[in-house]
Amino acid sequence: MTFDEWLSSTHELQAIDFGTDPQSLHGNEFAEYIRWNVLAAQVELAEFIQETRWKPWQKNNGRPTHTARERAVEELVDVQHFLANLYVALGVTGTE
């Protein structure tokens, strides 16, 4: 899937499946849409790092287990979805 296709499918998902076309939002609605997508991406990043065993002071630090790695990847995918929503809201194209 190309970046343009990814953005298009995200736009379609938001507009058709969730009933909100991010590109049609203005004022407070637009600001709120941006705010909750940024907050959601931040939460997903926090969930990602919890799966990566990043704490050097713990005995079990280092590479995550296979299961933790799978969960970490799932969290990054969630981050990408919220970032895609932001790209769509701003009308970003693949050439940008």
PDB file of N, CA and C in Angstrom:
ATOM      1  N   MET A   1       0.848  -1.169   0.000  1.00  0.00           N
ATOM      2  CA  MET A   1       0.000   0.000   0.000  1.00  0.00           C
ATOM      3  C   MET A   1       0.900   1.241   0.000  1.00  0.00           C
ATOM      4  N   THR A   2       0.595   2.162  -0.878  1.00  0.00           N
ATOM      5  CA  THR A   2       1.353   3.412  -0.926  1.00  0.00           C
ATOM      6  C   THR A   2       0.871   4.354   0.181  1.00  0.00           C
ATOM      7  N   PHE A   3       1.645   5.396   0.413  1.00  0.00           N
ATOM      8  CA  PHE A   3       1.265   6.390   1.414  1.00  0.00           C
ATOM      9  C   PHE A   3      -0.056   7.053   1.028  1.00  0.00           C
ATOM     10  N   ASP A   4      -0.212   7.385  -0.256  1.00  0.00           N
ATOM     11  CA  ASP A   4      -1.467   7.989  -0.727  1.00  0.00           C
ATOM     12  C   ASP A   4      -2.654   7.064  -0.479  1.00  0.00           C
ATOM     13  N   GLU A   5      -2.480   5.774  -0.750  1.00  0.00           N
ATOM     14  CA  GLU A   5      -3.558   4.802  -0.527  1.00  0.00           C
ATOM     15  C   GLU A   5      -3.888   4.703   0.961  1.00  0.00           C
ATOM     16  N   TRP A   6      -2.859   4.737   1.792  1.00  0.00           N
ATOM     17  CA  TRP A   6      -3.055   4.672   3.239  1.00  0.00           C
ATOM     18  C   TRP A   6      -3.859   5.878   3.722  1.00  0.00           C
ATOM     19  N   LEU A   7      -3.487   7.061   3.244  1.00  0.00           N
ATOM     20  CA  LEU A   7      -4.216   8.267   3.631  1.00  0.00           C
ATOM     21  C   LEU A   7      -5.657   8.218   3.130  1.00  0.00           C
ATOM     22  N   SER A   8      -5.837   7.758   1.908  1.00  0.00           N
ATOM     23  CA  SER A   8      -7.179   7.660   1.336  1.00  0.00           C
ATOM     24  C   SER A   8      -8.045   6.686   2.130  1.00  0.00           C
ATOM     25  N   SER A   9      -7.482   5.540   2.489  1.00  0.00           N
ATOM     26  CA  SER A   9      -8.264   4.568   3.257  1.00  0.00           C
ATOM     27  C   SER A   9      -8.572   5.094   4.661  1.00  0.00           C
ATOM     28  N   THR A  10      -7.644   5.854   5.232  1.00  0.00           N
ATOM     29  CA  THR A  10      -7.891   6.463   6.544  1.00  0.00           C
ATOM     30  C   THR A  10      -8.999   7.499   6.441  1.00  0.00           C
ATOM     31  N   HIS A  11      -8.952   8.314   5.392  1.00  0.00           N
ATOM     32  CA  HIS A  11      -9.985   9.326   5.183  1.00  0.00           C
ATOM     33  C   HIS A  11     -11.351   8.651   5.029  1.00  0.00           C
ATOM     34  N   GLU A  12     -11.393   7.604   4.240  1.00  0.00           N
ATOM     35  CA  GLU A  12     -12.646   6.868   4.030  1.00  0.00           C
ATOM     36  C   GLU A  12     -13.154   6.267   5.339  1.00  0.00           C
ATOM     37  N   LEU A  13     -12.256   5.677   6.112  1.00  0.00           N
ATOM     38  CA  LEU A  13     -12.638   5.090   7.387  1.00  0.00           C
ATOM     39  C   LEU A  13     -13.250   6.142   8.305  1.00  0.00           C
ATOM     40  N   GLN A  14     -12.619   7.301   8.398  1.00  0.00           N
ATOM     41  CA  GLN A  14     -13.123   8.362   9.260  1.00  0.00           C
ATOM     42  C   GLN A  14     -14.460   8.906   8.754  1.00  0.00           C
ATOM     43  N   ALA A  15     -14.535   9.152   7.453  1.00  0.00           N
ATOM     44  CA  ALA A  15     -15.732   9.783   6.877  1.00  0.00           C
ATOM     45  C   ALA A  15     -16.925   8.836   6.807  1.00  0.00           C
ATOM     46  N   ILE A  16     -16.687   7.626   6.352  1.00  0.00           N
ATOM     47  CA  ILE A  16     -17.798   6.696   6.126  1.00  0.00           C
ATOM     48  C   ILE A  16     -18.101   5.862   7.366  1.00  0.00           C
ATOM     49  N   ASP A  17     -17.100   5.208   7.906  1.00  0.00           N
ATOM     50  CA  ASP A  17     -17.342   4.298   9.022  1.00  0.00           C
ATOM     51  C   ASP A  17     -17.595   5.021  10.342  1.00  0.00           C
ATOM     52  N   PHE A  18     -16.903   6.144  10.567  1.00  0.00           N
ATOM     53  CA  PHE A  18     -17.043   6.854  11.839  1.00  0.00           C
ATOM     54  C   PHE A  18     -17.867   8.127  11.725  1.00  0.00           C
ATOM     55  N   GLY A  19     -18.279   8.483  10.494  1.00  0.00           N
ATOM     56  CA  GLY A  19     -19.169   9.614  10.306  1.00  0.00           C
ATOM     57  C   GLY A  19     -18.571  10.989  10.519  1.00  0.00           C
ATOM     58  N   THR A  20     -17.252  11.092  10.484  1.00  0.00           N
ATOM     59  CA  THR A  20     -16.586  12.386  10.648  1.00  0.00           C
ATOM     60  C   THR A  20     -15.563  12.572   9.544  1.00  0.00           C
ATOM     61  N   ASP A  21     -15.794  13.567   8.696  1.00  0.00           N
ATOM     62  CA  ASP A  21     -14.800  13.895   7.679  1.00  0.00           C
ATOM     63  C   ASP A  21     -13.875  14.949   8.284  1.00  0.00           C
ATOM     64  N   PRO A  22     -12.657  14.549   8.659  1.00  0.00           N
ATOM     65  CA  PRO A  22     -11.765  15.478   9.338  1.00  0.00           C
ATOM     66  C   PRO A  22     -11.480  16.752   8.530  1.00  0.00           C
ATOM     67  N   GLN A  23     -11.545  16.648   7.207  1.00  0.00           N
ATOM     68  CA  GLN A  23     -11.241  17.809   6.375  1.00  0.00           C
ATOM     69  C   GLN A  23     -12.389  18.818   6.345  1.00  0.00           C
ATOM     70  N   SER A  24     -13.549  18.425   6.850  1.00  0.00           N
ATOM     71  CA  SER A  24     -14.684  19.345   6.862  1.00  0.00           C
ATOM     72  C   SER A  24     -14.853  20.045   8.213  1.00  0.00           C
ATOM     73  N   LEU A  25     -14.006  19.703   9.172  1.00  0.00           N
ATOM     74  CA  LEU A  25     -14.115  20.299  10.502  1.00  0.00           C
ATOM     75  C   LEU A  25     -13.481  21.689  10.529  1.00  0.00           C
ATOM     76  N   HIS A  26     -14.070  22.572  11.335  1.00  0.00           N
ATOM     77  CA  HIS A  26     -13.562  23.940  11.467  1.00  0.00           C
ATOM     78  C   HIS A  26     -13.635  24.364  12.925  1.00  0.00           C
ATOM     79  N   GLY A  27     -12.885  25.374  13.253  1.00  0.00           N
ATOM     80  CA  GLY A  27     -12.950  25.977  14.576  1.00  0.00           C
ATOM     81  C   GLY A  27     -12.704  24.992  15.694  1.00  0.00           C
ATOM     82  N   ASN A  28     -13.587  25.035  16.702  1.00  0.00           N
ATOM     83  CA  ASN A  28     -13.423  24.193  17.879  1.00  0.00           C
ATOM     84  C   ASN A  28     -13.503  22.705  17.563  1.00  0.00           C
ATOM     85  N   GLU A  29     -14.346  22.333  16.588  1.00  0.00           N
ATOM     86  CA  GLU A  29     -14.438  20.917  16.209  1.00  0.00           C
ATOM     87  C   GLU A  29     -13.111  20.419  15.654  1.00  0.00           C
ATOM     88  N   PHE A  30     -12.477  21.227  14.819  1.00  0.00           N
ATOM     89  CA  PHE A  30     -11.174  20.859  14.256  1.00  0.00           C
ATOM     90  C   PHE A  30     -10.136  20.766  15.380  1.00  0.00           C
ATOM     91  N   ALA A  31     -10.104  21.757  16.246  1.00  0.00           N
ATOM     92  CA  ALA A  31      -9.142  21.768  17.351  1.00  0.00           C
ATOM     93  C   ALA A  31      -9.330  20.550  18.252  1.00  0.00           C
ATOM     94  N   GLU A  32     -10.566  20.214  18.534  1.00  0.00           N
ATOM     95  CA  GLU A  32     -10.860  19.056  19.382  1.00  0.00           C
ATOM     96  C   GLU A  32     -10.438  17.757  18.704  1.00  0.00           C
ATOM     97  N   TYR A  33     -10.687  17.637  17.410  1.00  0.00           N
ATOM     98  CA  TYR A  33     -10.274  16.449  16.658  1.00  0.00           C
ATOM     99  C   TYR A  33      -8.756  16.285  16.704  1.00  0.00           C
ATOM    100  N   ILE A  34      -8.047  17.388  16.495  1.00  0.00           N
ATOM    101  CA  ILE A  34      -6.581  17.352  16.560  1.00  0.00           C
ATOM    102  C   ILE A  34      -6.131  16.962  17.961  1.00  0.00           C
ATOM    103  N   ARG A  35      -6.740  17.600  18.962  1.00  0.00           N
ATOM    104  CA  ARG A  35      -6.339  17.357  20.350  1.00  0.00           C
ATOM    105  C   ARG A  35      -6.497  15.888  20.736  1.00  0.00           C
ATOM    106  N   TRP A  36      -7.650  15.298  20.445  1.00  0.00           N
ATOM    107  CA  TRP A  36      -7.818  13.926  20.908  1.00  0.00           C
ATOM    108  C   TRP A  36      -6.977  12.933  20.110  1.00  0.00           C
ATOM    109  N   ASN A  37      -6.672  13.233  18.850  1.00  0.00           N
ATOM    110  CA  ASN A  37      -5.783  12.346  18.097  1.00  0.00           C
ATOM    111  C   ASN A  37      -4.349  12.438  18.604  1.00  0.00           C
ATOM    112  N   VAL A  38      -3.901  13.647  18.955  1.00  0.00           N
ATOM    113  CA  VAL A  38      -2.554  13.809  19.519  1.00  0.00           C
ATOM    114  C   VAL A  38      -2.471  13.104  20.872  1.00  0.00           C
ATOM    115  N   LEU A  39      -3.466  13.301  21.722  1.00  0.00           N
ATOM    116  CA  LEU A  39      -3.467  12.638  23.025  1.00  0.00           C
ATOM    117  C   LEU A  39      -3.497  11.115  22.872  1.00  0.00           C
ATOM    118  N   ALA A  40      -4.309  10.624  21.960  1.00  0.00           N
ATOM    119  CA  ALA A  40      -4.386   9.177  21.739  1.00  0.00           C
ATOM    120  C   ALA A  40      -3.047   8.631  21.258  1.00  0.00           C
ATOM    121  N   ALA A  41      -2.375   9.345  20.348  1.00  0.00           N
ATOM    122  CA  ALA A  41      -1.060   8.905  19.862  1.00  0.00           C
ATOM    123  C   ALA A  41      -0.053   8.882  21.011  1.00  0.00           C
ATOM    124  N   GLN A  42      -0.107   9.878  21.891  1.00  0.00           N
ATOM    125  CA  GLN A  42       0.800   9.917  23.036  1.00  0.00           C
ATOM    126  C   GLN A  42       0.564   8.738  23.975  1.00  0.00           C
ATOM    127  N   VAL A  43      -0.689   8.418  24.217  1.00  0.00           N
ATOM    128  CA  VAL A  43      -1.019   7.288  25.087  1.00  0.00           C
ATOM    129  C   VAL A  43      -0.504   5.990  24.467  1.00  0.00           C
ATOM    130  N   GLU A  44      -0.717   5.832  23.174  1.00  0.00           N
ATOM    131  CA  GLU A  44      -0.251   4.614  22.498  1.00  0.00           C
ATOM    132  C   GLU A  44       1.269   4.512  22.534  1.00  0.00           C
ATOM    133  N   LEU A  45       1.973   5.641  22.411  1.00  0.00           N
ATOM    134  CA  LEU A  45       3.433   5.620  22.528  1.00  0.00           C
ATOM    135  C   LEU A  45       3.863   5.206  23.929  1.00  0.00           C
ATOM    136  N   ALA A  46       3.151   5.692  24.939  1.00  0.00           N
ATOM    137  CA  ALA A  46       3.455   5.296  26.314  1.00  0.00           C
ATOM    138  C   ALA A  46       3.219   3.797  26.498  1.00  0.00           C
ATOM    139  N   GLU A  47       2.149   3.283  25.908  1.00  0.00           N
ATOM    140  CA  GLU A  47       1.883   1.846  25.991  1.00  0.00           C
ATOM    141  C   GLU A  47       2.968   1.059  25.251  1.00  0.00           C
ATOM    142  N   PHE A  48       3.437   1.600  24.140  1.00  0.00           N
ATOM    143  CA  PHE A  48       4.521   0.950  23.384  1.00  0.00           C
ATOM    144  C   PHE A  48       5.776   0.812  24.245  1.00  0.00           C
ATOM    145  N   ILE A  49       6.191   1.913  24.861  1.00  0.00           N
ATOM    146  CA  ILE A  49       7.454   1.863  25.599  1.00  0.00           C
ATOM    147  C   ILE A  49       7.376   0.909  26.787  1.00  0.00           C
ATOM    148  N   GLN A  50       6.181   0.754  27.352  1.00  0.00           N
ATOM    149  CA  GLN A  50       6.025  -0.185  28.462  1.00  0.00           C
ATOM    150  C   GLN A  50       6.291  -1.626  28.019  1.00  0.00           C
ATOM    151  N   GLU A  51       6.123  -1.908  26.748  1.00  0.00           N
ATOM    152  CA  GLU A  51       6.349  -3.260  26.221  1.00  0.00           C
ATOM    153  C   GLU A  51       7.799  -3.502  25.823  1.00  0.00           C
ATOM    154  N   THR A  52       8.639  -2.475  25.830  1.00  0.00           N
ATOM    155  CA  THR A  52      10.004  -2.615  25.295  1.00  0.00           C
ATOM    156  C   THR A  52      11.075  -2.867  26.340  1.00  0.00           C
ATOM    157  N   ARG A  53      10.682  -2.986  27.606  1.00  0.00           N
ATOM    158  CA  ARG A  53      11.634  -3.282  28.679  1.00  0.00           C
ATOM    159  C   ARG A  53      12.761  -2.256  28.696  1.00  0.00           C
ATOM    160  N   TRP A  54      12.388  -1.007  28.695  1.00  0.00           N
ATOM    161  CA  TRP A  54      13.331   0.096  28.545  1.00  0.00           C
ATOM    162  C   TRP A  54      14.028   0.504  29.838  1.00  0.00           C
ATOM    163  N   LYS A  55      13.587   0.045  30.988  1.00  0.00           N
ATOM    164  CA  LYS A  55      14.105   0.518  32.268  1.00  0.00           C
ATOM    165  C   LYS A  55      15.463  -0.129  32.592  1.00  0.00           C
ATOM    166  N   PRO A  56      16.556   0.618  32.485  1.00  0.00           N
ATOM    167  CA  PRO A  56      17.881   0.039  32.698  1.00  0.00           C
ATOM    168  C   PRO A  56      18.128  -0.409  34.144  1.00  0.00           C
ATOM    169  N   TRP A  57      17.342   0.081  35.094  1.00  0.00           N
ATOM    170  CA  TRP A  57      17.545  -0.285  36.488  1.00  0.00           C
ATOM    171  C   TRP A  57      16.866  -1.593  36.862  1.00  0.00           C
ATOM    172  N   GLN A  58      16.092  -2.162  35.961  1.00  0.00           N
ATOM    173  CA  GLN A  58      15.432  -3.431  36.253  1.00  0.00           C
ATOM    174  C   GLN A  58      16.268  -4.600  35.752  1.00  0.00           C
ATOM    175  N   LYS A  59      16.176  -5.716  36.456  1.00  0.00           N
ATOM    176  CA  LYS A  59      16.941  -6.902  36.068  1.00  0.00           C
ATOM    177  C   LYS A  59      16.504  -7.468  34.723  1.00  0.00           C
ATOM    178  N   ASN A  60      15.229  -7.333  34.400  1.00  0.00           N
ATOM    179  CA  ASN A  60      14.723  -7.938  33.160  1.00  0.00           C
ATOM    180  C   ASN A  60      14.702  -6.944  32.005  1.00  0.00           C
ATOM    181  N   ASN A  61      15.648  -5.995  32.001  1.00  0.00           N
ATOM    182  CA  ASN A  61      15.690  -5.057  30.878  1.00  0.00           C
ATOM    183  C   ASN A  61      16.310  -5.736  29.657  1.00  0.00           C
ATOM    184  N   GLY A  62      16.251  -5.094  28.546  1.00  0.00           N
ATOM    185  CA  GLY A  62      16.780  -5.665  27.309  1.00  0.00           C
ATOM    186  C   GLY A  62      15.679  -5.903  26.300  1.00  0.00           C
ATOM    187  N   ARG A  63      15.939  -6.786  25.359  1.00  0.00           N
ATOM    188  CA  ARG A  63      14.966  -7.054  24.305  1.00  0.00           C
ATOM    189  C   ARG A  63      13.695  -7.649  24.891  1.00  0.00           C
ATOM    190  N   PRO A  64      12.548  -7.203  24.361  1.00  0.00           N
ATOM    191  CA  PRO A  64      11.285  -7.749  24.876  1.00  0.00           C
ATOM    192  C   PRO A  64      11.097  -9.200  24.460  1.00  0.00           C
ATOM    193  N   THR A  65      10.304  -9.910  25.214  1.00  0.00           N
ATOM    194  CA  THR A  65       9.953 -11.276  24.843  1.00  0.00           C
ATOM    195  C   THR A  65       9.157 -11.229  23.540  1.00  0.00           C
ATOM    196  N   HIS A  66       8.955 -12.386  22.955  1.00  0.00           N
ATOM    197  CA  HIS A  66       8.196 -12.454  21.695  1.00  0.00           C
ATOM    198  C   HIS A  66       6.799 -11.864  21.875  1.00  0.00           C
ATOM    199  N   THR A  67       6.133 -12.228  22.957  1.00  0.00           N
ATOM    200  CA  THR A  67       4.785 -11.727  23.218  1.00  0.00           C
ATOM    201  C   THR A  67       4.796 -10.216  23.439  1.00  0.00           C
ATOM    202  N   ALA A  68       5.753  -9.730  24.203  1.00  0.00           N
ATOM    203  CA  ALA A  68       5.846  -8.286  24.450  1.00  0.00           C
ATOM    204  C   ALA A  68       6.168  -7.553  23.147  1.00  0.00           C
ATOM    205  N   ARG A  69       6.983  -8.152  22.299  1.00  0.00           N
ATOM    206  CA  ARG A  69       7.297  -7.538  21.000  1.00  0.00           C
ATOM    207  C   ARG A  69       6.035  -7.411  20.159  1.00  0.00           C
ATOM    208  N   GLU A  70       5.222  -8.439  20.142  1.00  0.00           N
ATOM    209  CA  GLU A  70       3.966  -8.391  19.380  1.00  0.00           C
ATOM    210  C   GLU A  70       3.070  -7.277  19.899  1.00  0.00           C
ATOM    211  N   ARG A  71       2.980  -7.149  21.220  1.00  0.00           N
ATOM    212  CA  ARG A  71       2.162  -6.076  21.799  1.00  0.00           C
ATOM    213  C   ARG A  71       2.763  -4.709  21.471  1.00  0.00           C
ATOM    214  N   ALA A  72       4.089  -4.610  21.480  1.00  0.00           N
ATOM    215  CA  ALA A  72       4.752  -3.345  21.142  1.00  0.00           C
ATOM    216  C   ALA A  72       4.438  -2.943  19.707  1.00  0.00           C
ATOM    217  N   VAL A  73       4.487  -3.903  18.796  1.00  0.00           N
ATOM    218  CA  VAL A  73       4.163  -3.624  17.394  1.00  0.00           C
ATOM    219  C   VAL A  73       2.710  -3.168  17.275  1.00  0.00           C
ATOM    220  N   GLU A  74       1.804  -3.820  17.992  1.00  0.00           N
ATOM    221  CA  GLU A  74       0.389  -3.426  17.961  1.00  0.00           C
ATOM    222  C   GLU A  74       0.217  -1.981  18.432  1.00  0.00           C
ATOM    223  N   GLU A  75       0.963  -1.594  19.455  1.00  0.00           N
ATOM    224  CA  GLU A  75       0.869  -0.219  19.948  1.00  0.00           C
ATOM    225  C   GLU A  75       1.377   0.773  18.901  1.00  0.00           C
ATOM    226  N   LEU A  76       2.450   0.427  18.202  1.00  0.00           N
ATOM    227  CA  LEU A  76       2.961   1.318  17.146  1.00  0.00           C
ATOM    228  C   LEU A  76       1.978   1.437  15.989  1.00  0.00           C
ATOM    229  N   VAL A  77       1.294   0.355  15.677  1.00  0.00           N
ATOM    230  CA  VAL A  77       0.267   0.407  14.632  1.00  0.00           C
ATOM    231  C   VAL A  77      -0.838   1.372  15.060  1.00  0.00           C
ATOM    232  N   ASP A  78      -1.222   1.318  16.331  1.00  0.00           N
ATOM    233  CA  ASP A  78      -2.222   2.254  16.836  1.00  0.00           C
ATOM    234  C   ASP A  78      -1.738   3.696  16.692  1.00  0.00           C
ATOM    235  N   VAL A  79      -0.471   3.938  17.004  1.00  0.00           N
ATOM    236  CA  VAL A  79       0.101   5.285  16.847  1.00  0.00           C
ATOM    237  C   VAL A  79      -0.038   5.736  15.400  1.00  0.00           C
ATOM    238  N   GLN A  80       0.280   4.847  14.468  1.00  0.00           N
ATOM    239  CA  GLN A  80       0.189   5.199  13.048  1.00  0.00           C
ATOM    240  C   GLN A  80      -1.227   5.574  12.641  1.00  0.00           C
ATOM    241  N   HIS A  81      -2.214   4.889  13.187  1.00  0.00           N
ATOM    242  CA  HIS A  81      -3.601   5.216  12.851  1.00  0.00           C
ATOM    243  C   HIS A  81      -3.950   6.639  13.288  1.00  0.00           C
ATOM    244  N   PHE A  82      -3.532   7.005  14.494  1.00  0.00           N
ATOM    245  CA  PHE A  82      -3.839   8.354  14.968  1.00  0.00           C
ATOM    246  C   PHE A  82      -3.043   9.404  14.202  1.00  0.00           C
ATOM    247  N   LEU A  83      -1.811   9.081  13.820  1.00  0.00           N
ATOM    248  CA  LEU A  83      -1.041  10.014  12.986  1.00  0.00           C
ATOM    249  C   LEU A  83      -1.694  10.170  11.615  1.00  0.00           C
ATOM    250  N   ALA A  84      -2.190   9.075  11.066  1.00  0.00           N
ATOM    251  CA  ALA A  84      -2.877   9.147   9.770  1.00  0.00           C
ATOM    252  C   ALA A  84      -4.089  10.059   9.862  1.00  0.00           C
ATOM    253  N   ASN A  85      -4.829   9.982  10.976  1.00  0.00           N
ATOM    254  CA  ASN A  85      -5.977  10.884  11.160  1.00  0.00           C
ATOM    255  C   ASN A  85      -5.533  12.338  11.108  1.00  0.00           C
ATOM    256  N   LEU A  86      -4.386  12.636  11.705  1.00  0.00           N
ATOM    257  CA  LEU A  86      -3.873  14.006  11.703  1.00  0.00           C
ATOM    258  C   LEU A  86      -3.453  14.432  10.299  1.00  0.00           C
ATOM    259  N   TYR A  87      -2.788  13.534   9.578  1.00  0.00           N
ATOM    260  CA  TYR A  87      -2.414  13.840   8.189  1.00  0.00           C
ATOM    261  C   TYR A  87      -3.652  14.161   7.358  1.00  0.00           C
ATOM    262  N   VAL A  88      -4.673  13.333   7.506  1.00  0.00           N
ATOM    263  CA  VAL A  88      -5.905  13.524   6.736  1.00  0.00           C
ATOM    264  C   VAL A  88      -6.566  14.846   7.105  1.00  0.00           C
ATOM    265  N   ALA A  89      -6.628  15.149   8.388  1.00  0.00           N
ATOM    266  CA  ALA A  89      -7.259  16.390   8.830  1.00  0.00           C
ATOM    267  C   ALA A  89      -6.592  17.622   8.226  1.00  0.00           C
ATOM    268  N   LEU A  90      -5.294  17.506   8.017  1.00  0.00           N
ATOM    269  CA  LEU A  90      -4.546  18.619   7.443  1.00  0.00           C
ATOM    270  C   LEU A  90      -4.484  18.576   5.917  1.00  0.00           C
ATOM    271  N   GLY A  91      -5.056  17.543   5.328  1.00  0.00           N
ATOM    272  CA  GLY A  91      -5.056  17.420   3.867  1.00  0.00           C
ATOM    273  C   GLY A  91      -3.690  17.102   3.282  1.00  0.00           C
ATOM    274  N   VAL A  92      -2.857  16.408   4.051  1.00  0.00           N
ATOM    275  CA  VAL A  92      -1.509  16.045   3.598  1.00  0.00           C
ATOM    276  C   VAL A  92      -1.616  15.058   2.446  1.00  0.00           C
ATOM    277  N   THR A  93      -0.745  15.221   1.464  1.00  0.00           N
ATOM    278  CA  THR A  93      -0.686  14.297   0.324  1.00  0.00           C
ATOM    279  C   THR A  93       0.588  13.466   0.405  1.00  0.00           C
ATOM    280  N   GLY A  94       0.618  12.399  -0.365  1.00  0.00           N
ATOM    281  CA  GLY A  94       1.775  11.531  -0.386  1.00  0.00           C
ATOM    282  C   GLY A  94       3.033  12.209  -0.886  1.00  0.00           C
ATOM    283  N   THR A  95       2.891  13.187  -1.745  1.00  0.00           N
ATOM    284  CA  THR A  95       4.079  13.881  -2.266  1.00  0.00           C
ATOM    285  C   THR A  95       4.686  14.826  -1.230  1.00  0.00           C
ATOM    286  N   GLU A  96       3.897  15.203  -0.247  1.00  0.00           N
ATOM    287  CA  GLU A  96       4.445  16.045   0.813  1.00  0.00           C
ATOM    288  C   GLU A  96       5.327  15.243   1.745  1.00  0.00           C
TER     289      GLU A  96
END
